[in-house]
Protein backbone atom coordinates (compact mmCIF):
# COMPACT_ATOMS: atom_id res chain seq x y z
CA UNK A 1 43.98 -35.31 3.05
CA UNK A 2 45.83 -37.42 6.25
CA UNK A 3 43.97 -36.40 9.56
CA UNK A 4 44.54 -37.05 13.11
CA UNK A 5 41.80 -37.68 15.51
CA UNK A 6 39.24 -36.64 13.18
CA UNK A 7 40.15 -33.08 13.26
CA UNK A 8 39.49 -32.14 9.90
CA UNK A 9 35.21 -33.22 9.62
CA UNK A 10 35.30 -31.37 13.39
CA UNK A 11 36.51 -28.09 11.54
CA UNK A 12 34.56 -28.82 8.53
CA UNK A 13 31.65 -29.06 10.91
CA UNK A 14 32.49 -26.02 12.78
CA UNK A 15 32.68 -24.01 9.95
CA UNK A 16 30.01 -24.58 8.26
CA UNK A 17 27.69 -23.28 11.04
CA UNK A 18 27.71 -19.47 12.26
CA UNK A 19 29.95 -19.40 15.22
CA UNK A 20 28.85 -18.28 18.41
CA UNK A 21 30.79 -17.43 21.65
CA UNK A 22 30.59 -18.41 24.92
CA UNK A 23 27.63 -16.78 26.52
CA UNK A 24 28.59 -14.79 29.25
CA UNK A 25 31.80 -13.47 27.97
CA UNK A 26 32.04 -9.94 25.94
CA UNK A 27 33.90 -11.65 22.96
CA UNK A 28 33.67 -9.97 19.49
CA UNK A 29 31.48 -11.76 17.07
CA UNK A 30 28.16 -10.87 15.06
CA UNK A 31 25.20 -10.65 18.43
CA UNK A 32 21.84 -9.79 18.13
CA UNK A 33 22.10 -7.13 20.79
CA UNK A 34 24.84 -3.85 20.93
CA UNK A 35 25.77 -2.40 24.04
CA UNK A 36 26.98 1.02 23.40
CA UNK A 37 27.92 1.67 27.60
CA UNK A 38 28.96 5.23 27.24
CA UNK A 39 28.29 8.01 24.54
CA UNK A 40 29.29 11.96 25.54
CA UNK A 41 28.55 15.23 23.10
CA UNK A 42 29.35 18.59 24.13
CA UNK A 43 26.33 20.51 24.66
CA UNK A 44 28.88 23.40 23.17
CA UNK A 45 30.55 22.03 20.53
CA UNK A 46 32.90 25.59 20.26
CA UNK A 47 33.52 24.76 23.84
CA UNK A 48 33.49 21.20 24.75
CA UNK A 49 33.67 19.60 20.41
CA UNK A 50 33.37 15.87 22.03
CA UNK A 51 31.12 13.83 20.47
CA UNK A 52 30.14 10.41 19.93
CA UNK A 53 29.69 8.16 16.63
CA UNK A 54 27.88 4.88 16.33
CA UNK A 55 28.11 2.74 13.01
CA UNK A 56 26.30 -0.33 12.58
CA UNK A 57 26.97 -3.50 9.90
CA UNK A 58 24.26 -5.77 8.93
CA UNK A 59 27.29 -8.60 8.84
CA UNK A 60 24.83 -11.33 6.67
CA UNK A 61 23.20 -12.05 3.37
CA UNK A 62 19.79 -13.23 3.23
CA UNK A 63 17.66 -10.18 3.02
CA UNK A 64 16.93 -7.26 4.98
CA UNK A 65 17.21 -6.33 9.02
CA UNK A 66 15.57 -4.30 11.09
CA UNK A 67 16.75 -3.00 14.42
CA UNK A 68 15.92 -0.47 17.21
CA UNK A 69 18.14 2.12 18.99
CA UNK A 70 16.81 3.76 22.32
CA UNK A 71 18.98 6.05 24.32
CA UNK A 72 18.87 5.70 27.84
CA UNK A 73 20.17 8.05 30.56
CA UNK A 74 22.95 7.72 32.69
CA UNK A 75 20.40 5.87 35.32
CA UNK A 76 19.15 3.77 33.43
CA UNK A 77 15.88 5.29 32.64
CA UNK A 78 14.72 5.29 28.74
CA UNK A 79 14.38 8.90 27.03
CA UNK A 80 11.98 9.42 24.09
CA UNK A 81 15.04 9.14 22.09
CA UNK A 82 14.48 6.24 19.45
CA UNK A 83 14.19 4.77 16.40
CA UNK A 84 14.11 2.18 13.91
CA UNK A 85 16.63 1.54 10.68
CA UNK A 86 16.13 -0.67 8.38
CA UNK A 87 19.37 -2.47 6.69
CA UNK A 88 20.16 -4.63 4.05
CA UNK A 89 22.15 -7.17 3.50
CA UNK A 90 25.87 -6.46 4.49
CA UNK A 91 24.74 -2.55 4.83
CA UNK A 92 25.58 0.11 7.62
CA UNK A 93 24.09 2.80 9.10
CA UNK A 94 26.44 5.39 10.65
CA UNK A 95 25.43 8.30 12.19
CA UNK A 96 26.85 11.18 14.59
CA UNK A 97 25.39 11.40 18.30
CA UNK A 98 25.11 15.70 18.13
CA UNK A 99 22.89 14.93 15.09
CA UNK A 100 20.61 12.36 16.56
CA UNK A 101 20.44 14.43 19.59
CA UNK A 102 19.82 17.98 18.09
CA UNK A 103 16.93 16.42 15.45
CA UNK A 104 15.46 14.53 18.67
CA UNK A 105 12.71 15.57 20.89
CA UNK A 106 13.62 18.60 23.57
CA UNK A 107 12.99 16.39 26.64
CA UNK A 108 15.32 13.82 25.90
CA UNK A 109 18.23 16.02 25.53
CA UNK A 110 16.85 17.84 28.78
CA UNK A 111 16.58 14.19 30.44
CA UNK A 112 20.40 13.20 29.18
CA UNK A 113 21.77 16.48 30.23
CA UNK A 114 24.89 16.52 32.48
CA UNK A 115 26.65 20.21 32.90
CA UNK A 116 27.89 20.57 30.30
CA UNK A 117 27.46 17.16 28.12
CA UNK A 118 24.99 15.20 27.06
CA UNK A 119 25.48 11.58 28.34
CA UNK A 120 24.39 8.19 28.61
CA UNK A 121 24.30 5.03 27.06
CA UNK A 122 22.45 2.97 23.40
CA UNK A 123 20.95 0.22 23.10
CA UNK A 124 20.72 -1.72 19.77
CA UNK A 125 18.59 -4.64 19.09
CA UNK A 126 17.14 -6.73 15.89
CA UNK A 127 13.79 -6.59 15.68
CA UNK A 128 10.65 -8.40 13.74
CA UNK A 129 9.27 -5.60 13.30
CA UNK A 130 9.71 -1.50 14.68
CA UNK A 131 8.69 -0.77 17.60
CA UNK A 132 8.49 2.27 20.02
CA UNK A 133 8.87 0.09 22.95
CA UNK A 134 12.37 -0.33 24.82
CA UNK A 135 13.57 -3.78 25.05
CA UNK A 136 13.02 -3.91 28.71
CA UNK A 137 8.47 -3.76 28.15
CA UNK A 138 6.59 -6.11 27.38
CA UNK A 139 5.99 -6.86 23.45
CA UNK A 140 9.13 -5.90 22.64
CA UNK A 141 9.88 -7.57 19.11
CA UNK A 142 13.11 -9.37 19.48
CA UNK A 143 14.47 -10.92 16.62
CA UNK A 144 17.07 -13.65 17.27
CA UNK A 145 19.27 -12.89 14.40
CA UNK A 146 22.86 -12.21 15.52
CA UNK A 147 23.73 -10.25 12.84
CA UNK A 148 24.53 -6.94 13.83
CA UNK A 149 28.56 -5.48 14.56
CA UNK A 150 29.20 -1.82 15.64
CA UNK A 151 31.61 0.50 16.45
CA UNK A 152 32.03 3.53 18.92
CA UNK A 153 33.91 6.91 17.40
CA UNK A 154 34.73 9.59 20.32
CA UNK A 155 36.03 12.13 18.97
CA UNK A 156 37.41 15.83 19.77
CA UNK A 157 37.72 16.68 16.45
CA UNK A 158 38.68 20.46 17.41
CA UNK A 159 41.62 19.15 19.68
CA UNK A 160 43.09 17.07 17.08
CA UNK A 161 42.41 13.69 18.07
CA UNK A 162 39.89 10.19 18.07
CA UNK A 163 39.78 7.21 19.11
CA UNK A 164 37.11 4.29 19.31
CA UNK A 165 35.70 0.40 20.88
CA UNK A 166 33.56 -1.67 19.46
CA UNK A 167 29.90 -2.01 20.36
CA UNK A 168 29.65 -5.15 23.33
CA UNK A 169 28.22 -7.91 21.71
CA UNK A 170 25.13 -9.54 23.13
CA UNK A 171 24.36 -12.39 21.55
CA UNK A 172 20.59 -14.30 21.44
CA UNK A 173 22.08 -17.40 22.63
CA UNK A 174 20.49 -20.71 22.15
CA UNK A 175 17.43 -22.28 23.78
CA UNK A 176 19.48 -25.41 25.83
CA UNK A 177 21.97 -22.09 26.71
CA UNK A 178 22.05 -22.34 30.71
CA UNK A 179 19.66 -20.03 32.55
CA UNK A 180 21.77 -18.52 34.93
CA UNK A 181 23.41 -16.32 31.66
CA UNK A 182 20.35 -15.35 29.77
CA UNK A 183 17.65 -12.15 29.50
CA UNK A 184 20.22 -9.43 29.73
CA UNK A 185 16.78 -7.37 30.06
CA UNK A 186 14.88 -8.99 32.34
CA UNK A 187 12.64 -9.84 30.12
CA UNK A 188 13.22 -14.07 28.37
CA UNK A 189 14.56 -12.24 25.82
CA UNK A 190 17.64 -15.38 25.38
CA UNK A 191 20.02 -12.69 25.13
CA UNK A 192 23.72 -13.59 27.10
CA UNK A 193 24.08 -11.70 30.49
CA UNK A 194 27.08 -10.12 31.03
CA UNK A 195 26.66 -9.89 35.10
CA UNK A 196 29.12 -11.95 37.83
CA UNK A 197 27.50 -14.97 37.37
CA UNK A 198 27.31 -14.91 33.78
CA UNK A 199 31.04 -13.86 33.98
CA UNK A 200 32.14 -16.62 36.06
CA UNK A 201 30.15 -19.31 34.09
CA UNK A 202 31.72 -18.20 30.60
CA UNK A 203 34.66 -18.60 32.63
CA UNK A 204 33.75 -21.69 33.76
CA UNK A 205 32.99 -23.12 30.47
CA UNK A 206 35.90 -22.18 28.95
CA UNK A 207 37.60 -24.26 31.55
CA UNK A 208 35.52 -27.59 30.79
CA UNK A 209 33.36 -27.34 33.91
CA UNK A 210 29.85 -26.84 34.70
CA UNK A 211 28.88 -23.55 34.58
CA UNK A 212 27.94 -23.04 38.76
CA UNK A 213 25.44 -21.15 40.75
CA UNK A 214 24.98 -17.26 41.48
CA UNK A 215 28.01 -15.18 42.12
CA UNK A 216 26.89 -12.06 44.81
CA UNK A 217 29.63 -9.62 43.98
CA UNK A 218 32.19 -8.65 41.25
CA UNK A 219 36.10 -9.75 42.61
CA UNK A 220 37.52 -6.82 40.47
CA UNK A 221 37.38 -4.33 38.17
CA UNK A 222 41.36 -3.83 36.97
CA UNK A 223 41.58 -0.67 34.56
CA UNK A 224 45.00 0.63 32.92
CA UNK A 225 45.58 5.01 33.62
CA UNK A 226 48.30 7.04 32.12
CA UNK A 227 50.15 9.74 33.83
CA UNK A 228 52.07 12.10 32.24
CA UNK A 229 53.62 15.94 33.52
CA UNK A 230 54.91 16.59 30.34
CA UNK A 231 52.13 15.73 27.97
CA UNK A 232 49.57 16.60 30.53
CA UNK A 233 48.80 13.06 30.20
CA UNK A 234 45.31 12.78 31.86
CA UNK A 235 42.83 9.35 32.68
CA UNK A 236 39.14 8.47 33.75
CA UNK A 237 37.65 5.61 34.17
CA UNK A 238 33.75 4.62 32.86
CA UNK A 239 31.99 1.40 34.65
CA UNK A 240 28.59 0.00 33.41
CA UNK A 241 26.66 -1.04 36.40
CA UNK A 242 23.35 -2.01 35.18
CA UNK A 243 20.96 -3.65 37.60
CA UNK A 244 17.99 -5.23 36.30
CA UNK A 245 14.06 -3.48 36.35
CA UNK A 246 16.12 -0.68 38.78
CA UNK A 247 17.51 2.44 38.29
CA UNK A 248 21.11 4.25 38.91
CA UNK A 249 23.86 2.10 40.63
CA UNK A 250 24.24 -0.34 43.54
CA UNK A 251 24.95 2.19 45.73
CA UNK A 252 21.88 3.48 45.98
CA UNK A 253 20.22 0.36 46.24
CA UNK A 254 22.69 -1.04 49.12
CA UNK A 255 21.88 2.46 50.90
CA UNK A 256 19.10 0.64 51.91
CA UNK A 257 19.83 -1.32 54.96
CA UNK A 258 17.66 -3.73 54.02
CA UNK A 259 18.78 -5.18 50.84
CA UNK A 260 22.14 -5.91 53.13
CA UNK A 261 24.65 -5.02 50.71
CA UNK A 262 27.84 -2.43 50.72
CA UNK A 263 27.20 1.47 49.29
CA UNK A 264 30.79 1.99 49.38
CA UNK A 265 33.65 -0.24 47.19
CA UNK A 266 37.24 -0.32 47.64
CA UNK A 267 39.57 1.83 45.03
CA UNK A 268 43.15 1.26 45.08
CA UNK A 269 45.60 2.81 42.37
CA UNK A 270 48.85 1.52 41.35
CA UNK A 271 51.76 2.91 39.88
CA UNK A 272 53.93 0.44 37.15
CA UNK A 273 55.91 -1.39 40.05
CA UNK A 274 52.94 -2.29 41.60
CA UNK A 275 53.14 0.20 44.94
CA UNK A 276 49.88 1.37 46.26
CA UNK A 277 49.62 4.96 44.75
CA UNK A 278 45.94 5.74 46.81
CA UNK A 279 43.94 3.49 48.82
CA UNK A 280 40.19 4.67 49.44
CA UNK A 281 36.82 4.06 48.79
CA UNK A 282 34.10 4.99 45.60
CA UNK A 283 30.15 4.63 45.37
CA UNK A 284 28.81 3.66 42.01
CA UNK A 285 25.31 5.68 41.90
CA UNK A 286 24.84 5.48 38.32
CA UNK A 287 24.37 2.75 35.63
CA UNK A 288 26.93 4.87 33.69
CA UNK A 289 29.87 5.50 36.34
CA UNK A 290 32.48 8.82 35.37
CA UNK A 291 35.73 8.52 37.61
CA UNK A 292 37.01 11.42 36.72
CA UNK A 293 41.15 12.75 36.00
CA UNK A 294 40.81 14.56 39.09
CA UNK A 295 39.62 11.44 41.34
CA UNK A 296 43.05 9.92 40.51
CA UNK A 297 46.47 11.38 42.22
CA UNK A 298 49.73 11.62 41.52
CA UNK A 299 51.99 12.06 38.03
CA UNK A 300 52.43 7.72 37.48
CA UNK A 301 50.76 5.67 35.15
CA UNK A 302 49.86 2.77 36.31
CA UNK A 303 46.34 0.52 37.16
CA UNK A 304 43.30 1.25 39.14
CA UNK A 305 41.33 -1.32 40.75
CA UNK A 306 37.64 -1.59 42.26
CA UNK A 307 37.02 -4.34 44.30
CA UNK A 308 34.08 -6.63 45.72
CA UNK A 309 31.09 -4.34 44.11
CA UNK A 310 28.06 -6.17 45.07
CA UNK A 311 25.78 -7.93 42.09
CA UNK A 312 22.82 -7.10 44.76
CA UNK A 313 20.01 -9.07 42.31
CA UNK A 314 22.49 -11.21 40.54
CA UNK A 315 21.49 -9.80 37.43
CA UNK A 316 23.99 -6.49 37.24
CA UNK A 317 25.09 -6.58 33.58
CA UNK A 318 28.93 -4.61 33.78
CA UNK A 319 31.40 -3.55 31.45
CA UNK A 320 34.36 -1.19 32.15
CA UNK A 321 36.65 0.61 29.87
CA UNK A 322 39.07 3.92 30.70
CA UNK A 323 39.96 7.12 28.28
CA UNK A 324 44.05 7.47 28.39
CA UNK A 325 44.86 10.74 26.66
CA UNK A 326 47.49 13.56 25.86
CA UNK A 327 46.72 17.47 25.14
CA UNK A 328 50.15 19.79 25.92
CA UNK A 329 49.23 22.37 25.02
CA UNK A 330 50.93 24.37 22.22
CA UNK A 331 51.55 21.42 20.84
CA UNK A 332 49.04 19.31 18.57
CA UNK A 333 51.41 16.78 17.21
CA UNK A 334 51.71 15.08 20.56
CA UNK A 335 47.96 14.96 21.07
CA UNK A 336 46.48 11.50 21.41
CA UNK A 337 43.79 9.27 22.59
CA UNK A 338 43.66 5.87 23.58
CA UNK A 339 40.66 3.23 25.55
CA UNK A 340 41.08 0.45 26.77
CA UNK A 341 38.78 -2.29 27.64
CA UNK A 342 39.02 -3.32 31.80
CA UNK A 343 39.64 -6.22 32.76
CA UNK A 344 36.71 -8.24 34.49
CA UNK A 345 37.28 -10.54 37.58
CA UNK A 346 33.85 -12.58 38.41
């Protein structure tokens, strides 16, 4: 076979080794850890039928793997709802958060209660042995096997709709990876980071540049929203902001004058033509920040932007997506949900 510039040998080498994406970027590839950045389950299912279904797959052969799941509240406090699952090669595990919560400790349900819902986030990690520790504790038995793929289903089946999102893959990075983009949990775990610094490093590496230094803030979260009066169109945004070894989001940390950072951030809403419909500020008080439909104005679809959010200790792991839905009364055939991952400019 004729080759040009040695392309075939390079291609064969690439295909014969496990594919790793660029650390610091939330690209879709099997990983040693998975993040469920938000779950929601209605406490009274007849009133609020919303639930979150999780599915995890061991994507490679070579024997069984153990993963540990841990459920956290919206401020990043670990709960006692946790467990270990053994997966054979190419095996899968699926569970509804409602079932997991109902079978779990009452104290965990109390910690996760937010009004009429249970809400929080979930971490899933390949481990070398079963454990009761959470991945931010010393002695957590991390495995570096990039084997897991995961999917999230957000359902409201009684209302006739559901949608899904891939879990966020957090890879175990090679030992030579720049230290600015590793240690997601802050415990020398070797997992890639998805903070401002890590995302900028990923951008630079993809452009053939050097990783770069510390990035003190995120330039922009940018998310799609859907508005429509005839379809009862609604949107809400989820902004995940997890500060290493702290609880809550950046706003409570920055409330302390000694920390020298802003507690409120510019929030702008645009219509399809780019016209500003709202120019205000917003706080990010939690790890899981929910911007409700009621915070939005008008009846026009478009975009929202949150800009210049500080990364106060240079280790705030971030992710964002928006729920967009239609639910016109008496028209179940026009009921739908769509989820879009947000753009993040470091």
